[in-house]
Amino acid sequence: MMVKFVEAIIGTNKVGYIDAMTLKEIFVNPVQVVALKERKHILDNDLKAAHGLDARVEFTEIHLANGTNIIVAGSMHVVQAKLGASTKQLLRG
């Protein structure tokens, strides 16, 4: 079963500051998820507002078994619930 998320693709300028963001739908296989990491402050409120996002939107980084890291919209608890896994299951991953 695949789970749908909204991926935040972050763009940076020459100095390393985040200056752009693209939102796209992505499907993730929950079996491949190894870890979740909270990324609350990845974007400032101005960049969120420029993309029509509420300032309270949180982001979570999903680490996959193949080494890929994906940043998705949603708190870690929401992402975990969508994946249908408890914390104990993820830690054993």
Protein backbone atom coordinates (compact mmCIF):
# COMPACT_ATOMS: atom_id res chain seq x y z
CA MET A 1 0.00 0.00 0.00
CA MET A 2 1.38 3.39 -0.98
CA VAL A 3 0.72 6.53 1.10
CA LYS A 4 0.31 9.97 -0.50
CA PHE A 5 2.20 12.98 0.90
CA VAL A 6 2.98 16.51 -0.27
CA GLU A 7 6.73 16.80 -0.79
CA ALA A 8 8.48 20.14 -0.26
CA ILE A 9 11.37 20.50 -2.69
CA ILE A 10 13.62 23.21 -1.27
CA GLY A 11 15.81 25.45 -3.42
CA THR A 12 18.77 27.40 -2.04
CA ASN A 13 20.73 30.37 -3.33
CA LYS A 14 24.52 30.66 -3.70
CA VAL A 15 24.98 31.46 0.00
CA GLY A 16 22.92 28.46 1.11
CA TYR A 17 19.77 30.28 2.19
CA ILE A 18 16.41 28.82 1.23
CA ASP A 19 14.90 31.02 -1.45
CA ALA A 20 12.42 28.78 -3.25
CA MET A 21 10.09 25.89 -2.64
CA THR A 22 8.03 23.61 -4.86
CA LEU A 23 5.22 21.42 -3.57
CA LYS A 24 4.47 18.12 -5.33
CA GLU A 25 2.48 15.00 -4.52
CA ILE A 26 4.53 11.90 -3.80
CA PHE A 27 3.65 8.32 -2.92
CA VAL A 28 5.74 6.48 -0.32
CA ASN A 29 5.88 2.77 0.46
CA PRO A 30 5.61 2.58 4.29
CA VAL A 31 7.70 -0.60 4.33
CA GLN A 32 10.70 1.41 3.06
CA VAL A 33 10.55 4.07 5.81
CA VAL A 34 13.49 3.78 8.20
CA ALA A 35 13.16 6.97 10.27
CA LEU A 36 11.28 10.25 10.67
CA LYS A 37 12.82 13.56 11.68
CA GLU A 38 10.96 16.69 12.73
CA ARG A 39 11.79 19.76 10.57
CA LYS A 40 9.63 22.49 12.15
CA HIS A 41 11.73 25.52 11.27
CA ILE A 42 12.91 24.65 7.78
CA LEU A 43 11.02 27.57 6.19
CA ASP A 44 10.37 31.07 7.44
CA ASN A 45 6.82 32.43 7.55
CA ASP A 46 7.36 34.70 4.52
CA LEU A 47 8.25 31.78 2.26
CA LYS A 48 5.32 29.76 3.62
CA ALA A 49 2.96 32.68 2.92
CA ALA A 50 4.36 33.09 -0.60
CA HIS A 51 3.26 29.51 -1.32
CA GLY A 52 -0.14 29.91 0.31
CA LEU A 53 0.79 27.91 3.41
CA ASP A 54 -0.29 28.74 6.93
CA ALA A 55 2.54 29.84 9.24
CA ARG A 56 1.75 26.86 11.52
CA VAL A 57 2.54 24.25 8.86
CA GLU A 58 5.18 21.79 10.03
CA PHE A 59 7.44 19.57 7.97
CA THR A 60 8.87 16.10 8.52
CA GLU A 61 11.86 14.47 6.89
CA ILE A 62 11.31 10.85 5.88
CA HIS A 63 14.41 8.64 5.62
CA LEU A 64 13.99 5.68 3.25
CA ALA A 65 15.86 2.38 3.21
CA ASN A 66 17.60 3.25 -0.08
CA GLY A 67 19.21 6.35 1.51
CA THR A 68 16.79 8.89 0.05
CA ASN A 69 15.51 11.67 2.31
CA ILE A 70 12.19 13.35 1.54
CA ILE A 71 10.75 16.44 3.25
CA VAL A 72 6.94 16.32 3.45
CA ALA A 73 4.28 18.66 4.81
CA GLY A 74 2.83 17.55 8.13
CA SER A 75 3.96 17.07 11.70
CA MET A 76 5.86 13.96 12.63
CA HIS A 77 2.81 12.55 14.43
CA VAL A 78 0.57 13.08 11.39
CA VAL A 79 3.12 11.45 9.06
CA GLN A 80 3.53 8.54 11.46
CA ALA A 81 -0.25 8.04 11.61
CA LYS A 82 -0.54 8.11 7.79
CA LEU A 83 2.20 5.49 7.55
CA GLY A 84 0.24 3.33 9.98
CA ALA A 85 3.24 2.66 12.20
CA SER A 86 3.83 3.08 15.89
CA THR A 87 7.08 4.54 17.23
CA LYS A 88 8.16 1.06 18.32
CA GLN A 89 7.71 -0.30 14.79
CA LEU A 90 9.72 2.55 13.26
CA LEU A 91 12.60 2.13 15.70
CA ARG A 92 12.90 -1.53 14.76
CA GLY A 93 12.89 -0.60 11.02
